[in-house]
Amino acid sequence: SISSLFCSGSRSSKTFKPKKNIPEGSHQYELLKHAEATLGSGNLRMAVMLPEGEDLNEWVAVNTVDFFNQINMLYGTITDFCTEESCPVMSAGPKYEYHWADGTNIKKPIKCSAPKYIDYLMTWVQDQLDDETLFPSKIGVPFPKNFMSVAKTILKRLFRVYAHIYHQHFDPVIQLQEEAHLNTSFKHFIFFVQEFNLIDRRELAPLQELIEKLTSKDR
């Protein structure tokens, strides 16, 4: 399964931020286990579909936490290569540059280095995931009305970390033999956001060619 892929090898278990755990025994934990089991079948299109009788918000929540953990770990493997010197701006190739704003602490977008940007981004995502009013972990606690729009923002921002890794740090990924992990994780992510239409096509532009390559085999 993908989870064992990500946990194997001491090198790839280096996490950038604390891992977000879904409590064992909870319904969300069962959903996560279901997701891992279907991923093991190798059919990603099937694996991302909403399981019968399940709540869409809960399915999106469980998978968003899982993607946060995966990206966290993938970025953790290349943090030594992503420095203020190597990446003075947060970019995904020459055409795409990202400036950070979270709408609360930093309202006006600021230009910052990639490591700083990714630190802001992952801390912000972590804060959302830890907010019980947004991501309720207890059974029967309803998701807020704005849940989907928050989830879409989280996924849009997590995509930028993949885009930065692919554009600026693919060589070390290959050297560290993390390429298969990265591709599998990204492909799963793309199938998921495509299935539920969670990220605007324009946002995906920095990796459009790769997306077409990874998804064309599975049409």
C-alpha atoms as a PDB file:
ATOM      1  CA  SER A   1       0.000   0.000   0.000  1.00  0.00           C
ATOM      2  CA  ILE A   2       1.024   3.594  -0.400  1.00  0.00           C
ATOM      3  CA  SER A   3       1.305   4.094   3.347  1.00  0.00           C
ATOM      4  CA  SER A   4       3.886   1.334   3.651  1.00  0.00           C
ATOM      5  CA  LEU A   5       5.718   2.843   0.700  1.00  0.00           C
ATOM      6  CA  PHE A   6       5.961   6.113   2.552  1.00  0.00           C
ATOM      7  CA  CYS A   7       6.989   4.610   5.853  1.00  0.00           C
ATOM      8  CA  SER A   8       9.632   2.282   4.528  1.00  0.00           C
ATOM      9  CA  GLY A   9      13.243   3.367   4.768  1.00  0.00           C
ATOM     10  CA  SER A  10      14.505   5.640   7.522  1.00  0.00           C
ATOM     11  CA  ARG A  11      15.329   8.403   5.067  1.00  0.00           C
ATOM     12  CA  SER A  12      11.831   8.890   3.745  1.00  0.00           C
ATOM     13  CA  SER A  13      10.278   9.007   7.205  1.00  0.00           C
ATOM     14  CA  LYS A  14      11.861  12.392   7.879  1.00  0.00           C
ATOM     15  CA  THR A  15       8.860  14.639   8.318  1.00  0.00           C
ATOM     16  CA  PHE A  16       8.974  18.364   7.838  1.00  0.00           C
ATOM     17  CA  LYS A  17       6.153  19.109  10.309  1.00  0.00           C
ATOM     18  CA  PRO A  18       4.513  16.916  12.936  1.00  0.00           C
ATOM     19  CA  LYS A  19       2.352  14.263  11.328  1.00  0.00           C
ATOM     20  CA  LYS A  20      -1.390  14.705  11.666  1.00  0.00           C
ATOM     21  CA  ASN A  21      -2.836  11.475  13.086  1.00  0.00           C
ATOM     22  CA  ILE A  22      -6.380  10.307  12.528  1.00  0.00           C
ATOM     23  CA  PRO A  23      -7.513   8.729  15.821  1.00  0.00           C
ATOM     24  CA  GLU A  24      -7.560   4.925  15.733  1.00  0.00           C
ATOM     25  CA  GLY A  25     -10.950   3.340  16.173  1.00  0.00           C
ATOM     26  CA  SER A  26     -12.711   6.385  14.712  1.00  0.00           C
ATOM     27  CA  HIS A  27     -14.869   6.240  11.593  1.00  0.00           C
ATOM     28  CA  GLN A  28     -12.326   8.438   9.811  1.00  0.00           C
ATOM     29  CA  TYR A  29      -9.636   5.892  10.657  1.00  0.00           C
ATOM     30  CA  GLU A  30     -11.807   3.183   9.052  1.00  0.00           C
ATOM     31  CA  LEU A  31     -12.143   5.387   5.963  1.00  0.00           C
ATOM     32  CA  LEU A  32      -8.377   5.887   5.834  1.00  0.00           C
ATOM     33  CA  LYS A  33      -7.888   2.120   6.039  1.00  0.00           C
ATOM     34  CA  HIS A  34     -10.418   1.682   3.216  1.00  0.00           C
ATOM     35  CA  ALA A  35      -8.526   4.245   1.127  1.00  0.00           C
ATOM     36  CA  GLU A  36      -5.226   2.430   1.737  1.00  0.00           C
ATOM     37  CA  ALA A  37      -6.743  -0.939   0.854  1.00  0.00           C
ATOM     38  CA  THR A  38      -8.188   0.305  -2.446  1.00  0.00           C
ATOM     39  CA  LEU A  39      -4.907   2.049  -3.271  1.00  0.00           C
ATOM     40  CA  GLY A  40      -3.213  -1.307  -2.871  1.00  0.00           C
ATOM     41  CA  SER A  41      -5.274  -2.602  -5.782  1.00  0.00           C
ATOM     42  CA  GLY A  42      -3.346  -0.220  -8.026  1.00  0.00           C
ATOM     43  CA  ASN A  43      -6.430   1.302  -9.624  1.00  0.00           C
ATOM     44  CA  LEU A  44      -6.223   4.934  -8.561  1.00  0.00           C
ATOM     45  CA  ARG A  45      -9.352   6.047 -10.399  1.00  0.00           C
ATOM     46  CA  MET A  46     -11.369   3.539  -8.373  1.00  0.00           C
ATOM     47  CA  ALA A  47      -9.479   4.270  -5.183  1.00  0.00           C
ATOM     48  CA  VAL A  48     -10.445   7.941  -5.063  1.00  0.00           C
ATOM     49  CA  MET A  49     -14.181   7.394  -5.584  1.00  0.00           C
ATOM     50  CA  LEU A  50     -16.528   8.123  -2.712  1.00  0.00           C
ATOM     51  CA  PRO A  51     -17.240   4.805  -0.962  1.00  0.00           C
ATOM     52  CA  GLU A  52     -20.908   3.886  -1.058  1.00  0.00           C
ATOM     53  CA  GLY A  53     -22.993   5.458   1.694  1.00  0.00           C
ATOM     54  CA  GLU A  54     -20.185   7.716   2.903  1.00  0.00           C
ATOM     55  CA  ASP A  55     -20.294  11.444   3.519  1.00  0.00           C
ATOM     56  CA  LEU A  56     -18.396  13.462   0.897  1.00  0.00           C
ATOM     57  CA  ASN A  57     -17.102  15.988   3.450  1.00  0.00           C
ATOM     58  CA  GLU A  58     -15.682  13.232   5.600  1.00  0.00           C
ATOM     59  CA  TRP A  59     -14.048  11.504   2.617  1.00  0.00           C
ATOM     60  CA  VAL A  60     -12.456  14.785   1.508  1.00  0.00           C
ATOM     61  CA  ALA A  61     -11.314  15.480   5.094  1.00  0.00           C
ATOM     62  CA  VAL A  62      -9.632  12.080   5.541  1.00  0.00           C
ATOM     63  CA  ASN A  63      -7.862  12.322   2.191  1.00  0.00           C
ATOM     64  CA  THR A  64      -6.769  15.931   2.779  1.00  0.00           C
ATOM     65  CA  VAL A  65      -5.105  14.876   6.049  1.00  0.00           C
ATOM     66  CA  ASP A  66      -3.463  11.983   4.224  1.00  0.00           C
ATOM     67  CA  PHE A  67      -2.122  14.228   1.443  1.00  0.00           C
ATOM     68  CA  PHE A  68      -0.809  16.694   4.034  1.00  0.00           C
ATOM     69  CA  ASN A  69       1.142  13.836   5.660  1.00  0.00           C
ATOM     70  CA  GLN A  70       2.455  12.544   2.324  1.00  0.00           C
ATOM     71  CA  ILE A  71       3.611  15.953   1.084  1.00  0.00           C
ATOM     72  CA  ASN A  72       5.059  16.690   4.479  1.00  0.00           C
ATOM     73  CA  MET A  73       7.197  13.575   4.227  1.00  0.00           C
ATOM     74  CA  LEU A  74       8.177  14.118   0.589  1.00  0.00           C
ATOM     75  CA  TYR A  75       9.234  17.689   1.267  1.00  0.00           C
ATOM     76  CA  GLY A  76      11.033  16.481   4.404  1.00  0.00           C
ATOM     77  CA  THR A  77      13.351  14.378   2.240  1.00  0.00           C
ATOM     78  CA  ILE A  78      14.553  17.388   0.222  1.00  0.00           C
ATOM     79  CA  THR A  79      14.594  20.210   2.810  1.00  0.00           C
ATOM     80  CA  ASP A  80      18.410  20.201   2.711  1.00  0.00           C
ATOM     81  CA  PHE A  81      18.239  21.215  -0.960  1.00  0.00           C
ATOM     82  CA  CYS A  82      15.545  23.849  -0.554  1.00  0.00           C
ATOM     83  CA  THR A  83      17.280  26.804   1.075  1.00  0.00           C
ATOM     84  CA  GLU A  84      17.115  30.596   1.160  1.00  0.00           C
ATOM     85  CA  GLU A  85      20.077  30.569  -1.255  1.00  0.00           C
ATOM     86  CA  SER A  86      18.856  27.928  -3.704  1.00  0.00           C
ATOM     87  CA  CYS A  87      15.243  29.130  -3.726  1.00  0.00           C
ATOM     88  CA  PRO A  88      15.030  32.856  -2.894  1.00  0.00           C
ATOM     89  CA  VAL A  89      11.492  32.917  -4.320  1.00  0.00           C
ATOM     90  CA  MET A  90       8.708  30.352  -4.167  1.00  0.00           C
ATOM     91  CA  SER A  91       8.411  29.228  -7.758  1.00  0.00           C
ATOM     92  CA  ALA A  92       7.302  26.387  -9.994  1.00  0.00           C
ATOM     93  CA  GLY A  93       9.494  26.967 -13.030  1.00  0.00           C
ATOM     94  CA  PRO A  94      10.257  30.379 -14.567  1.00  0.00           C
ATOM     95  CA  LYS A  95       6.632  31.278 -15.307  1.00  0.00           C
ATOM     96  CA  TYR A  96       5.060  30.694 -11.902  1.00  0.00           C
ATOM     97  CA  GLU A  97       5.888  32.505  -8.681  1.00  0.00           C
ATOM     98  CA  TYR A  98       3.838  32.371  -5.495  1.00  0.00           C
ATOM     99  CA  HIS A  99       3.524  35.055  -2.840  1.00  0.00           C
ATOM    100  CA  TRP A 100       2.185  34.185   0.594  1.00  0.00           C
ATOM    101  CA  ALA A 101      -0.968  35.520   2.236  1.00  0.00           C
ATOM    102  CA  ASP A 102      -3.318  33.686   4.587  1.00  0.00           C
ATOM    103  CA  GLY A 103      -5.975  36.392   4.862  1.00  0.00           C
ATOM    104  CA  THR A 104      -5.636  36.676   8.643  1.00  0.00           C
ATOM    105  CA  ASN A 105      -2.063  37.176   9.869  1.00  0.00           C
ATOM    106  CA  ILE A 106      -0.684  38.174   6.482  1.00  0.00           C
ATOM    107  CA  LYS A 107      -3.320  39.934   4.424  1.00  0.00           C
ATOM    108  CA  LYS A 108      -1.169  41.451   1.710  1.00  0.00           C
ATOM    109  CA  PRO A 109       0.758  38.818  -0.284  1.00  0.00           C
ATOM    110  CA  ILE A 110       4.462  38.826   0.578  1.00  0.00           C
ATOM    111  CA  LYS A 111       7.328  37.646  -1.574  1.00  0.00           C
ATOM    112  CA  CYS A 112       9.434  35.136   0.334  1.00  0.00           C
ATOM    113  CA  SER A 113      11.854  32.277  -0.185  1.00  0.00           C
ATOM    114  CA  ALA A 114      10.509  28.810  -0.960  1.00  0.00           C
ATOM    115  CA  PRO A 115      11.451  27.310   2.440  1.00  0.00           C
ATOM    116  CA  LYS A 116       9.783  30.230   4.215  1.00  0.00           C
ATOM    117  CA  TYR A 117       6.702  30.013   1.966  1.00  0.00           C
ATOM    118  CA  ILE A 118       6.368  26.255   2.477  1.00  0.00           C
ATOM    119  CA  ASP A 119       6.803  26.715   6.216  1.00  0.00           C
ATOM    120  CA  TYR A 120       3.988  29.296   6.248  1.00  0.00           C
ATOM    121  CA  LEU A 121       1.851  27.081   4.021  1.00  0.00           C
ATOM    122  CA  MET A 122       2.276  23.836   5.980  1.00  0.00           C
ATOM    123  CA  THR A 123       1.806  25.615   9.329  1.00  0.00           C
ATOM    124  CA  TRP A 124      -1.368  27.194   8.005  1.00  0.00           C
ATOM    125  CA  VAL A 125      -2.669  23.825   6.732  1.00  0.00           C
ATOM    126  CA  GLN A 126      -1.818  22.210  10.068  1.00  0.00           C
ATOM    127  CA  ASP A 127      -3.785  24.890  11.909  1.00  0.00           C
ATOM    128  CA  GLN A 128      -6.833  24.206   9.708  1.00  0.00           C
ATOM    129  CA  LEU A 129      -6.565  20.435  10.221  1.00  0.00           C
ATOM    130  CA  ASP A 130      -6.266  20.889  13.989  1.00  0.00           C
ATOM    131  CA  ASP A 131      -9.355  23.104  14.137  1.00  0.00           C
ATOM    132  CA  GLU A 132     -12.139  20.843  15.444  1.00  0.00           C
ATOM    133  CA  THR A 133     -14.816  23.209  14.139  1.00  0.00           C
ATOM    134  CA  LEU A 134     -13.431  22.804  10.600  1.00  0.00           C
ATOM    135  CA  PHE A 135     -12.201  19.207  10.699  1.00  0.00           C
ATOM    136  CA  PRO A 136     -14.316  17.515  13.372  1.00  0.00           C
ATOM    137  CA  SER A 137     -12.802  14.205  14.438  1.00  0.00           C
ATOM    138  CA  LYS A 138     -15.715  13.180  16.649  1.00  0.00           C
ATOM    139  CA  ILE A 139     -18.543  11.151  15.180  1.00  0.00           C
ATOM    140  CA  GLY A 140     -21.759  13.023  14.587  1.00  0.00           C
ATOM    141  CA  VAL A 141     -20.176  16.472  14.777  1.00  0.00           C
ATOM    142  CA  PRO A 142     -21.269  18.161  11.547  1.00  0.00           C
ATOM    143  CA  PHE A 143     -18.855  19.742   9.115  1.00  0.00           C
ATOM    144  CA  PRO A 144     -19.239  23.518   8.779  1.00  0.00           C
ATOM    145  CA  LYS A 145     -20.996  24.994   5.727  1.00  0.00           C
ATOM    146  CA  ASN A 146     -17.730  26.429   4.417  1.00  0.00           C
ATOM    147  CA  PHE A 147     -15.848  23.127   4.754  1.00  0.00           C
ATOM    148  CA  MET A 148     -15.532  22.440   1.011  1.00  0.00           C
ATOM    149  CA  SER A 149     -14.189  25.902   0.244  1.00  0.00           C
ATOM    150  CA  VAL A 150     -11.569  25.549   3.013  1.00  0.00           C
ATOM    151  CA  ALA A 151     -10.624  22.075   1.756  1.00  0.00           C
ATOM    152  CA  LYS A 152     -10.253  23.442  -1.788  1.00  0.00           C
ATOM    153  CA  THR A 153      -7.908  26.184  -0.541  1.00  0.00           C
ATOM    154  CA  ILE A 154      -5.832  23.635   1.396  1.00  0.00           C
ATOM    155  CA  LEU A 155      -5.515  21.338  -1.634  1.00  0.00           C
ATOM    156  CA  LYS A 156      -4.728  24.244  -3.969  1.00  0.00           C
ATOM    157  CA  ARG A 157      -1.880  25.253  -1.661  1.00  0.00           C
ATOM    158  CA  LEU A 158      -0.596  21.697  -1.144  1.00  0.00           C
ATOM    159  CA  PHE A 159      -0.415  21.377  -4.941  1.00  0.00           C
ATOM    160  CA  ARG A 160       2.117  24.240  -4.933  1.00  0.00           C
ATOM    161  CA  VAL A 161       4.518  22.167  -2.837  1.00  0.00           C
ATOM    162  CA  TYR A 162       4.372  19.345  -5.399  1.00  0.00           C
ATOM    163  CA  ALA A 163       4.869  21.922  -8.178  1.00  0.00           C
ATOM    164  CA  HIS A 164       7.922  23.391  -6.442  1.00  0.00           C
ATOM    165  CA  ILE A 165       9.470  19.961  -5.805  1.00  0.00           C
ATOM    166  CA  TYR A 166       8.952  18.861  -9.421  1.00  0.00           C
ATOM    167  CA  HIS A 167      10.266  22.073 -10.964  1.00  0.00           C
ATOM    168  CA  GLN A 168      13.116  22.976  -8.641  1.00  0.00           C
ATOM    169  CA  HIS A 169      14.205  19.792  -6.847  1.00  0.00           C
ATOM    170  CA  PHE A 170      13.627  16.868  -9.163  1.00  0.00           C
ATOM    171  CA  ASP A 171      17.354  16.004  -9.380  1.00  0.00           C
ATOM    172  CA  PRO A 172      17.735  15.302  -5.650  1.00  0.00           C
ATOM    173  CA  VAL A 173      14.438  13.379  -5.745  1.00  0.00           C
ATOM    174  CA  ILE A 174      16.000  11.087  -8.363  1.00  0.00           C
ATOM    175  CA  GLN A 175      19.300  10.844  -6.412  1.00  0.00           C
ATOM    176  CA  LEU A 176      17.376   9.886  -3.264  1.00  0.00           C
ATOM    177  CA  GLN A 177      15.377   7.326  -5.265  1.00  0.00           C
ATOM    178  CA  GLU A 178      12.141   9.026  -4.172  1.00  0.00           C
ATOM    179  CA  GLU A 179      10.837   9.450  -7.717  1.00  0.00           C
ATOM    180  CA  ALA A 180       8.356   6.558  -7.555  1.00  0.00           C
ATOM    181  CA  HIS A 181       6.988   7.822  -4.204  1.00  0.00           C
ATOM    182  CA  LEU A 182       6.594  11.322  -5.538  1.00  0.00           C
ATOM    183  CA  ASN A 183       4.894  10.221  -8.766  1.00  0.00           C
ATOM    184  CA  THR A 184       2.519   7.813  -7.017  1.00  0.00           C
ATOM    185  CA  SER A 185       1.598  10.376  -4.393  1.00  0.00           C
ATOM    186  CA  PHE A 186       1.078  13.139  -6.952  1.00  0.00           C
ATOM    187  CA  LYS A 187      -0.927  10.902  -9.269  1.00  0.00           C
ATOM    188  CA  HIS A 188      -3.200   9.891  -6.374  1.00  0.00           C
ATOM    189  CA  PHE A 189      -3.585  13.582  -5.459  1.00  0.00           C
ATOM    190  CA  ILE A 190      -4.479  14.567  -9.042  1.00  0.00           C
ATOM    191  CA  PHE A 191      -7.002  11.767  -9.469  1.00  0.00           C
ATOM    192  CA  PHE A 192      -8.587  12.806  -6.192  1.00  0.00           C
ATOM    193  CA  VAL A 193      -8.914  16.503  -7.031  1.00  0.00           C
ATOM    194  CA  GLN A 194     -10.142  15.644 -10.533  1.00  0.00           C
ATOM    195  CA  GLU A 195     -12.778  13.228  -9.213  1.00  0.00           C
ATOM    196  CA  PHE A 196     -14.386  15.923  -7.044  1.00  0.00           C
ATOM    197  CA  ASN A 197     -13.369  18.967  -9.068  1.00  0.00           C
ATOM    198  CA  LEU A 198     -11.455  20.513  -6.163  1.00  0.00           C
ATOM    199  CA  ILE A 199      -8.749  22.568  -7.897  1.00  0.00           C
ATOM    200  CA  ASP A 200      -9.261  25.047 -10.711  1.00  0.00           C
ATOM    201  CA  ARG A 201      -7.533  24.016 -13.946  1.00  0.00           C
ATOM    202  CA  ARG A 202      -5.621  27.318 -14.043  1.00  0.00           C
ATOM    203  CA  GLU A 203      -4.008  26.467 -10.714  1.00  0.00           C
ATOM    204  CA  LEU A 204      -2.757  23.164 -12.134  1.00  0.00           C
ATOM    205  CA  ALA A 205      -1.042  24.827 -15.103  1.00  0.00           C
ATOM    206  CA  PRO A 206       2.543  24.588 -13.736  1.00  0.00           C
ATOM    207  CA  LEU A 207       2.348  20.776 -13.949  1.00  0.00           C
ATOM    208  CA  GLN A 208      -0.100  20.423 -16.836  1.00  0.00           C
ATOM    209  CA  GLU A 209       2.198  18.320 -19.037  1.00  0.00           C
ATOM    210  CA  LEU A 210       3.059  15.978 -16.192  1.00  0.00           C
ATOM    211  CA  ILE A 211      -0.623  15.655 -15.250  1.00  0.00           C
ATOM    212  CA  GLU A 212      -1.469  14.695 -18.818  1.00  0.00           C
ATOM    213  CA  LYS A 213       1.357  12.174 -18.881  1.00  0.00           C
ATOM    214  CA  LEU A 214       0.446  10.590 -15.544  1.00  0.00           C
ATOM    215  CA  THR A 215      -3.293  10.444 -16.203  1.00  0.00           C
ATOM    216  CA  SER A 216      -3.380   9.516 -19.905  1.00  0.00           C
ATOM    217  CA  LYS A 217      -2.493   5.883 -19.181  1.00  0.00           C
ATOM    218  CA  ASP A 218      -5.560   5.516 -16.979  1.00  0.00           C
ATOM    219  CA  ARG A 219      -8.321   6.979 -19.092  1.00  0.00           C
END
